[in-house]
C-alpha atoms as a PDB file:
ATOM      1  CA  MET A   1     132.212 -31.373-117.689  1.00  0.00           C
ATOM      2  CA  PRO A   2     134.901 -33.913-117.366  1.00  0.00           C
ATOM      3  CA  LEU A   3     136.893 -35.021-120.301  1.00  0.00           C
ATOM      4  CA  THR A   4     138.495 -37.815-121.597  1.00  0.00           C
ATOM      5  CA  ARG A   5     141.393 -37.461-123.506  1.00  0.00           C
ATOM      6  CA  LEU A   6     142.451 -40.381-126.126  1.00  0.00           C
ATOM      7  CA  THR A   7     145.678 -40.897-128.198  1.00  0.00           C
ATOM      8  CA  ALA A   8     145.740 -43.423-131.084  1.00  0.00           C
ATOM      9  CA  VAL A   9     148.922 -44.414-131.621  1.00  0.00           C
ATOM     10  CA  ARG A  10     150.117 -45.839-135.057  1.00  0.00           C
ATOM     11  CA  ALA A  11     153.276 -48.055-133.294  1.00  0.00           C
ATOM     12  CA  GLN A  12     153.528 -50.195-136.068  1.00  0.00           C
ATOM     13  CA  GLU A  13     154.140 -47.587-138.819  1.00  0.00           C
ATOM     14  CA  PRO A  14     157.542 -45.624-136.752  1.00  0.00           C
ATOM     15  CA  PHE A  15     158.557 -42.695-138.978  1.00  0.00           C
ATOM     16  CA  GLU A  16     162.415 -43.011-139.396  1.00  0.00           C
ATOM     17  CA  ASP A  17     162.930 -39.548-138.527  1.00  0.00           C
ATOM     18  CA  ASP A  18     161.125 -35.939-138.048  1.00  0.00           C
ATOM     19  CA  GLU A  19     161.156 -35.277-141.400  1.00  0.00           C
ATOM     20  CA  SER A  20     159.554 -38.116-142.562  1.00  0.00           C
ATOM     21  CA  ALA A  21     156.817 -38.031-139.750  1.00  0.00           C
ATOM     22  CA  ALA A  22     156.349 -33.691-141.070  1.00  0.00           C
ATOM     23  CA  GLU A  23     155.694 -34.866-144.653  1.00  0.00           C
ATOM     24  CA  TRP A  24     153.374 -37.731-143.478  1.00  0.00           C
ATOM     25  CA  LEU A  25     150.960 -35.086-141.694  1.00  0.00           C
ATOM     26  CA  ARG A  26     151.366 -32.448-144.517  1.00  0.00           C
ATOM     27  CA  GLU A  27     150.241 -35.347-147.023  1.00  0.00           C
ATOM     28  CA  THR A  28     147.119 -36.469-144.765  1.00  0.00           C
ATOM     29  CA  LEU A  29     146.461 -32.808-143.832  1.00  0.00           C
ATOM     30  CA  ASP A  30     146.205 -31.976-148.240  1.00  0.00           C
ATOM     31  CA  SER A  31     144.064 -34.763-148.559  1.00  0.00           C
ATOM     32  CA  GLU A  32     140.346 -35.032-147.387  1.00  0.00           C
ATOM     33  CA  GLU A  33     140.564 -39.325-148.047  1.00  0.00           C
ATOM     34  CA  ALA A  34     143.801 -39.502-146.061  1.00  0.00           C
ATOM     35  CA  LEU A  35     142.378 -37.294-143.409  1.00  0.00           C
ATOM     36  CA  ASP A  36     138.881 -39.393-143.135  1.00  0.00           C
ATOM     37  CA  ALA A  37     141.143 -42.346-142.722  1.00  0.00           C
ATOM     38  CA  ALA A  38     143.276 -41.072-140.040  1.00  0.00           C
ATOM     39  CA  VAL A  39     140.294 -39.890-137.847  1.00  0.00           C
ATOM     40  CA  ALA A  40     138.576 -43.237-138.884  1.00  0.00           C
ATOM     41  CA  GLU A  41     141.477 -45.675-137.826  1.00  0.00           C
ATOM     42  CA  GLY A  42     141.790 -43.915-134.541  1.00  0.00           C
ATOM     43  CA  MET A  43     137.773 -43.928-133.806  1.00  0.00           C
ATOM     44  CA  ALA A  44     137.700 -47.375-134.443  1.00  0.00           C
ATOM     45  CA  LEU A  45     140.916 -48.011-132.507  1.00  0.00           C
ATOM     46  CA  LEU A  46     138.853 -46.613-129.110  1.00  0.00           C
ATOM     47  CA  ASN A  47     135.514 -48.271-130.257  1.00  0.00           C
ATOM     48  CA  ARG A  48     137.024 -51.590-130.248  1.00  0.00           C
ATOM     49  CA  ALA A  49     138.292 -50.923-126.768  1.00  0.00           C
ATOM     50  CA  LEU A  50     135.394 -49.468-125.747  1.00  0.00           C
ATOM     51  CA  HIS A  51     133.542 -52.669-126.917  1.00  0.00           C
ATOM     52  CA  ALA A  52     136.148 -55.233-125.489  1.00  0.00           C
ATOM     53  CA  GLN A  53     135.842 -53.237-122.039  1.00  0.00           C
ATOM     54  CA  ALA A  54     131.804 -53.543-122.007  1.00  0.00           C
ATOM     55  CA  VAL A  55     132.546 -57.169-122.893  1.00  0.00           C
ATOM     56  CA  ALA A  56     134.534 -57.908-120.423  1.00  0.00           C
ATOM     57  CA  GLY A  57     132.921 -56.066-117.618  1.00  0.00           C
ATOM     58  CA  ALA A  58     129.366 -57.380-118.805  1.00  0.00           C
ATOM     59  CA  ASP A  59     128.323 -53.614-118.991  1.00  0.00           C
ATOM     60  CA  PRO A  60     125.013 -53.610-121.305  1.00  0.00           C
ATOM     61  CA  LEU A  61     124.939 -49.902-121.423  1.00  0.00           C
ATOM     62  CA  GLY A  62     128.811 -49.487-123.131  1.00  0.00           C
ATOM     63  CA  ALA A  63     128.273 -47.351-126.147  1.00  0.00           C
ATOM     64  CA  GLU A  64     130.505 -46.752-129.135  1.00  0.00           C
ATOM     65  CA  LEU A  65     131.488 -43.349-130.016  1.00  0.00           C
ATOM     66  CA  SER A  66     131.634 -41.525-133.190  1.00  0.00           C
ATOM     67  CA  ALA A  67     134.341 -38.731-134.083  1.00  0.00           C
ATOM     68  CA  GLU A  68     131.866 -35.920-134.501  1.00  0.00           C
ATOM     69  CA  ARG A  69     131.084 -36.175-130.704  1.00  0.00           C
ATOM     70  CA  ALA A  70     134.580 -35.359-129.880  1.00  0.00           C
ATOM     71  CA  ALA A  71     135.377 -31.696-128.381  1.00  0.00           C
ATOM     72  CA  THR A  72     138.106 -31.324-130.250  1.00  0.00           C
ATOM     73  CA  VAL A  73     140.168 -33.664-132.374  1.00  0.00           C
ATOM     74  CA  ARG A  74     143.626 -33.527-133.455  1.00  0.00           C
ATOM     75  CA  VAL A  75     146.220 -35.580-136.035  1.00  0.00           C
ATOM     76  CA  GLY A  76     150.082 -35.257-135.810  1.00  0.00           C
ATOM     77  CA  TYR A  77     153.150 -36.872-134.841  1.00  0.00           C
ATOM     78  CA  GLY A  78     155.138 -36.928-131.351  1.00  0.00           C
ATOM     79  CA  SER A  79     157.906 -39.140-129.933  1.00  0.00           C
ATOM     80  CA  GLY A  80     157.036 -42.303-127.942  1.00  0.00           C
ATOM     81  CA  GLU A  81     157.225 -40.366-125.062  1.00  0.00           C
ATOM     82  CA  GLU A  82     155.172 -37.548-125.913  1.00  0.00           C
ATOM     83  CA  VAL A  83     152.488 -39.792-127.241  1.00  0.00           C
ATOM     84  CA  ALA A  84     151.921 -42.458-124.176  1.00  0.00           C
ATOM     85  CA  ALA A  85     151.430 -38.847-122.550  1.00  0.00           C
ATOM     86  CA  GLY A  86     148.657 -37.801-124.971  1.00  0.00           C
ATOM     87  CA  ARG A  87     151.372 -34.675-126.454  1.00  0.00           C
ATOM     88  CA  PHE A  88     152.539 -34.395-129.683  1.00  0.00           C
ATOM     89  CA  SER A  89     155.270 -32.330-131.069  1.00  0.00           C
ATOM     90  CA  LEU A  90     153.322 -31.301-134.068  1.00  0.00           C
ATOM     91  CA  ALA A  91     149.460 -31.329-134.297  1.00  0.00           C
ATOM     92  CA  HIS A  92     147.046 -29.691-136.621  1.00  0.00           C
ATOM     93  CA  GLU A  93     143.245 -29.702-135.244  1.00  0.00           C
ATOM     94  CA  VAL A  94     140.819 -31.325-137.910  1.00  0.00           C
ATOM     95  CA  ASP A  95     137.125 -29.836-138.320  1.00  0.00           C
ATOM     96  CA  VAL A  96     135.316 -33.151-138.395  1.00  0.00           C
ATOM     97  CA  ARG A  97     131.573 -31.616-138.863  1.00  0.00           C
ATOM     98  CA  ALA A  98     132.930 -29.432-142.033  1.00  0.00           C
ATOM     99  CA  GLY A  99     131.128 -29.784-145.173  1.00  0.00           C
ATOM    100  CA  GLY A 100     128.179 -29.528-147.073  1.00  0.00           C
ATOM    101  CA  SER A 101     125.749 -26.283-146.788  1.00  0.00           C
ATOM    102  CA  ARG A 102     125.146 -24.805-143.168  1.00  0.00           C
ATOM    103  CA  ARG A 103     121.456 -25.114-144.121  1.00  0.00           C
ATOM    104  CA  ARG A 104     121.950 -28.613-145.017  1.00  0.00           C
ATOM    105  CA  ARG A 105     123.486 -29.125-141.949  1.00  0.00           C
ATOM    106  CA  ARG A 106     121.200 -27.679-139.711  1.00  0.00           C
ATOM    107  CA  GLU A 107     118.334 -29.497-140.980  1.00  0.00           C
ATOM    108  CA  ASP A 108     120.025 -32.698-140.323  1.00  0.00           C
ATOM    109  CA  GLU A 109     120.542 -31.567-136.938  1.00  0.00           C
ATOM    110  CA  LEU A 110     116.862 -30.275-136.334  1.00  0.00           C
ATOM    111  CA  ARG A 111     115.641 -33.949-137.864  1.00  0.00           C
ATOM    112  CA  PRO A 112     116.454 -35.772-135.368  1.00  0.00           C
ATOM    113  CA  GLN A 113     115.533 -33.426-132.305  1.00  0.00           C
ATOM    114  CA  GLU A 114     111.816 -33.174-133.991  1.00  0.00           C
ATOM    115  CA  ARG A 115     111.756 -36.724-133.926  1.00  0.00           C
ATOM    116  CA  VAL A 116     113.249 -36.903-130.372  1.00  0.00           C
ATOM    117  CA  ALA A 117     110.324 -34.246-129.221  1.00  0.00           C
ATOM    118  CA  ALA A 118     107.829 -36.266-130.803  1.00  0.00           C
ATOM    119  CA  ILE A 119     108.694 -39.791-129.367  1.00  0.00           C
ATOM    120  CA  LEU A 120     109.187 -38.716-125.915  1.00  0.00           C
ATOM    121  CA  GLY A 121     105.791 -36.968-125.989  1.00  0.00           C
ATOM    122  CA  GLY A 122     103.851 -40.027-127.276  1.00  0.00           C
ATOM    123  CA  ARG A 123     102.899 -38.924-130.887  1.00  0.00           C
ATOM    124  CA  GLU A 124     105.976 -41.446-132.604  1.00  0.00           C
ATOM    125  CA  ARG A 125     106.906 -45.025-131.228  1.00  0.00           C
ATOM    126  CA  ILE A 126     110.237 -46.086-132.306  1.00  0.00           C
ATOM    127  CA  ASP A 127     110.305 -49.514-133.891  1.00  0.00           C
ATOM    128  CA  ALA A 128     111.351 -52.691-133.177  1.00  0.00           C
ATOM    129  CA  CYS A 129     113.741 -52.892-136.397  1.00  0.00           C
ATOM    130  CA  GLU A 130     115.934 -49.799-136.066  1.00  0.00           C
ATOM    131  CA  PRO A 131     117.524 -50.357-132.911  1.00  0.00           C
ATOM    132  CA  LEU A 132     118.311 -53.975-134.116  1.00  0.00           C
ATOM    133  CA  LEU A 133     119.415 -52.763-137.420  1.00  0.00           C
ATOM    134  CA  LEU A 134     121.787 -49.587-135.937  1.00  0.00           C
ATOM    135  CA  ARG A 135     123.673 -52.448-133.737  1.00  0.00           C
ATOM    136  CA  ALA A 136     124.273 -54.498-136.885  1.00  0.00           C
ATOM    137  CA  ARG A 137     125.427 -51.648-138.702  1.00  0.00           C
ATOM    138  CA  ALA A 138     127.882 -50.790-135.921  1.00  0.00           C
ATOM    139  CA  ASP A 139     129.190 -54.294-135.507  1.00  0.00           C
ATOM    140  CA  LEU A 140     129.827 -54.202-139.298  1.00  0.00           C
ATOM    141  CA  GLU A 141     131.533 -50.901-139.194  1.00  0.00           C
ATOM    142  CA  ALA A 142     133.971 -52.328-136.261  1.00  0.00           C
ATOM    143  CA  GLY A 143     134.460 -55.720-138.243  1.00  0.00           C
ATOM    144  CA  ARG A 144     132.191 -57.596-135.932  1.00  0.00           C
ATOM    145  CA  ARG A 145     131.187 -59.587-139.028  1.00  0.00           C
ATOM    146  CA  ARG A 146     129.244 -62.655-137.181  1.00  0.00           C
ATOM    147  CA  GLU A 147     127.219 -60.158-134.893  1.00  0.00           C
ATOM    148  CA  ALA A 148     126.456 -58.384-137.322  1.00  0.00           C
ATOM    149  CA  ALA A 149     124.933 -61.170-139.381  1.00  0.00           C
ATOM    150  CA  LEU A 150     122.678 -62.466-136.344  1.00  0.00           C
ATOM    151  CA  GLN A 151     121.465 -58.840-135.443  1.00  0.00           C
ATOM    152  CA  LEU A 152     120.535 -58.008-139.459  1.00  0.00           C
ATOM    153  CA  ARG A 153     118.541 -61.496-139.105  1.00  0.00           C
ATOM    154  CA  ILE A 154     116.133 -60.456-136.403  1.00  0.00           C
ATOM    155  CA  GLY A 155     116.431 -56.646-137.598  1.00  0.00           C
ATOM    156  CA  LEU A 156     114.801 -57.727-140.979  1.00  0.00           C
ATOM    157  CA  GLU A 157     112.571 -59.877-139.515  1.00  0.00           C
ATOM    158  CA  ALA A 158     111.499 -57.065-137.548  1.00  0.00           C
ATOM    159  CA  LEU A 159     111.240 -54.527-140.558  1.00  0.00           C
ATOM    160  CA  LEU A 160     109.455 -56.598-142.607  1.00  0.00           C
ATOM    161  CA  ALA A 161     106.864 -57.192-139.939  1.00  0.00           C
ATOM    162  CA  GLU A 162     106.112 -53.833-138.905  1.00  0.00           C
ATOM    163  CA  LEU A 163     106.754 -51.439-142.064  1.00  0.00           C
ATOM    164  CA  PRO A 164     104.666 -53.359-144.441  1.00  0.00           C
ATOM    165  CA  GLY A 165     102.408 -50.188-145.928  1.00  0.00           C
ATOM    166  CA  ALA A 166     104.247 -48.071-143.772  1.00  0.00           C
ATOM    167  CA  LEU A 167     104.102 -45.819-147.414  1.00  0.00           C
ATOM    168  CA  THR A 168     102.068 -45.049-150.237  1.00  0.00           C
ATOM    169  CA  ASP A 169     105.486 -45.223-152.598  1.00  0.00           C
ATOM    170  CA  PRO A 170     106.806 -47.543-155.427  1.00  0.00           C
ATOM    171  CA  GLY A 171     109.922 -47.641-154.343  1.00  0.00           C
ATOM    172  CA  HIS A 172     108.784 -48.615-150.484  1.00  0.00           C
ATOM    173  CA  GLU A 173     106.802 -51.461-152.045  1.00  0.00           C
ATOM    174  CA  GLU A 174     110.086 -52.108-154.466  1.00  0.00           C
ATOM    175  CA  ASP A 175     112.414 -52.470-151.194  1.00  0.00           C
ATOM    176  CA  MET A 176     110.241 -54.805-149.208  1.00  0.00           C
ATOM    177  CA  ALA A 177     109.082 -57.065-152.000  1.00  0.00           C
ATOM    178  CA  ALA A 178     113.353 -57.042-152.485  1.00  0.00           C
ATOM    179  CA  LEU A 179     114.026 -58.095-148.965  1.00  0.00           C
ATOM    180  CA  GLU A 180     110.807 -60.477-148.364  1.00  0.00           C
ATOM    181  CA  SER A 181     112.594 -62.369-151.891  1.00  0.00           C
ATOM    182  CA  ARG A 182     116.326 -62.397-149.980  1.00  0.00           C
ATOM    183  CA  ARG A 183     115.554 -62.816-146.231  1.00  0.00           C
ATOM    184  CA  LYS A 184     116.804 -66.914-147.106  1.00  0.00           C
ATOM    185  CA  GLU A 185     120.203 -64.586-147.668  1.00  0.00           C
ATOM    186  CA  ALA A 186     119.554 -62.807-144.036  1.00  0.00           C
ATOM    187  CA  GLY A 187     119.062 -66.231-142.996  1.00  0.00           C
ATOM    188  CA  ASP A 188     121.970 -68.201-144.311  1.00  0.00           C
ATOM    189  CA  ALA A 189     124.485 -65.775-143.272  1.00  0.00           C
ATOM    190  CA  ALA A 190     123.416 -65.612-139.288  1.00  0.00           C
ATOM    191  CA  ASN A 191     123.586 -69.626-139.842  1.00  0.00           C
ATOM    192  CA  ALA A 192     126.964 -69.575-141.428  1.00  0.00           C
ATOM    193  CA  ALA A 193     127.955 -67.050-138.348  1.00  0.00           C
ATOM    194  CA  LEU A 194     126.725 -69.101-135.532  1.00  0.00           C
ATOM    195  CA  HIS A 195     129.963 -72.065-136.282  1.00  0.00           C
ATOM    196  CA  SER A 196     132.679 -69.688-137.846  1.00  0.00           C
ATOM    197  CA  ASP A 197     134.029 -66.532-138.974  1.00  0.00           C
ATOM    198  CA  LEU A 198     131.057 -65.356-141.554  1.00  0.00           C
ATOM    199  CA  PRO A 199     132.621 -65.828-145.279  1.00  0.00           C
ATOM    200  CA  ASP A 200     133.165 -63.186-147.765  1.00  0.00           C
ATOM    201  CA  GLU A 201     129.876 -63.874-150.126  1.00  0.00           C
ATOM    202  CA  HIS A 202     127.768 -63.861-147.038  1.00  0.00           C
ATOM    203  CA  GLU A 203     129.681 -61.057-145.772  1.00  0.00           C
ATOM    204  CA  ARG A 204     128.653 -59.127-149.171  1.00  0.00           C
ATOM    205  CA  HIS A 205     125.171 -60.264-148.487  1.00  0.00           C
ATOM    206  CA  VAL A 206     124.702 -58.825-145.388  1.00  0.00           C
ATOM    207  CA  ARG A 207     126.301 -55.393-146.224  1.00  0.00           C
ATOM    208  CA  ASP A 208     123.703 -55.178-149.513  1.00  0.00           C
ATOM    209  CA  LEU A 209     120.830 -56.487-147.331  1.00  0.00           C
ATOM    210  CA  LEU A 210     121.447 -53.877-144.560  1.00  0.00           C
ATOM    211  CA  ALA A 211     122.243 -50.846-146.911  1.00  0.00           C
ATOM    212  CA  LEU A 212     118.564 -51.734-148.596  1.00  0.00           C
ATOM    213  CA  CYS A 213     117.037 -52.075-144.871  1.00  0.00           C
ATOM    214  CA  GLU A 214     118.837 -48.344-144.058  1.00  0.00           C
ATOM    215  CA  ARG A 215     117.465 -46.989-147.129  1.00  0.00           C
ATOM    216  CA  VAL A 216     113.584 -48.305-146.216  1.00  0.00           C
ATOM    217  CA  LEU A 217     113.981 -46.250-143.046  1.00  0.00           C
ATOM    218  CA  ARG A 218     115.631 -42.914-144.357  1.00  0.00           C
ATOM    219  CA  ARG A 219     112.993 -42.890-146.937  1.00  0.00           C
ATOM    220  CA  ARG A 220     110.354 -43.148-144.003  1.00  0.00           C
ATOM    221  CA  ARG A 221     111.990 -40.345-142.428  1.00  0.00           C
ATOM    222  CA  VAL A 222     112.297 -38.018-145.650  1.00  0.00           C
ATOM    223  CA  LEU A 223     108.640 -38.572-146.334  1.00  0.00           C
ATOM    224  CA  ARG A 224     107.035 -38.241-143.437  1.00  0.00           C
ATOM    225  CA  GLY A 225     108.624 -35.077-142.540  1.00  0.00           C
END
């Protein structure tokens, strides 16, 4: 299968010498948070480029990627000529799939496969709110706050229309009532996004409401088995 190699270079923060670079690499590898941040920074750069390419090329099928889908992830350092050619003076491979028990990871992998089979077999459908809210999450995580607010507005409306009574569960009913009472916040954020960058207050509302929508969908997945 064809593979594409991407090297994300922190050119805005060059190291003074190899010793400083090696020290940064050691500290990054020793800290789970720092390592996650380094990988996330590289993936954010890749997805910004993919998004820009999709928009510039009017490609409706352009897709963003996650580190978990990479064949290999490495963190390291090198000279300008090395990293420009995708090489390193020193690099370490990172296991981005590490964490959690083997049984839990197996369950997490199996559940999507079971639902894919159910959808392809016509036993279950994809609600319109699901891809809309996924796009809102992708936009929000990529820093596209205006797009996230606009996606959330219609995604929330679709969820409220599609999932009332979807579960006989007090938590579901409580969350749906909370979304109904706060739907004006989503509308206000979307209206603001039509005219300018999203103010911080509206962004907080978008984040809160999106997380609540995702909790509704997650609960339904879990309780349906």
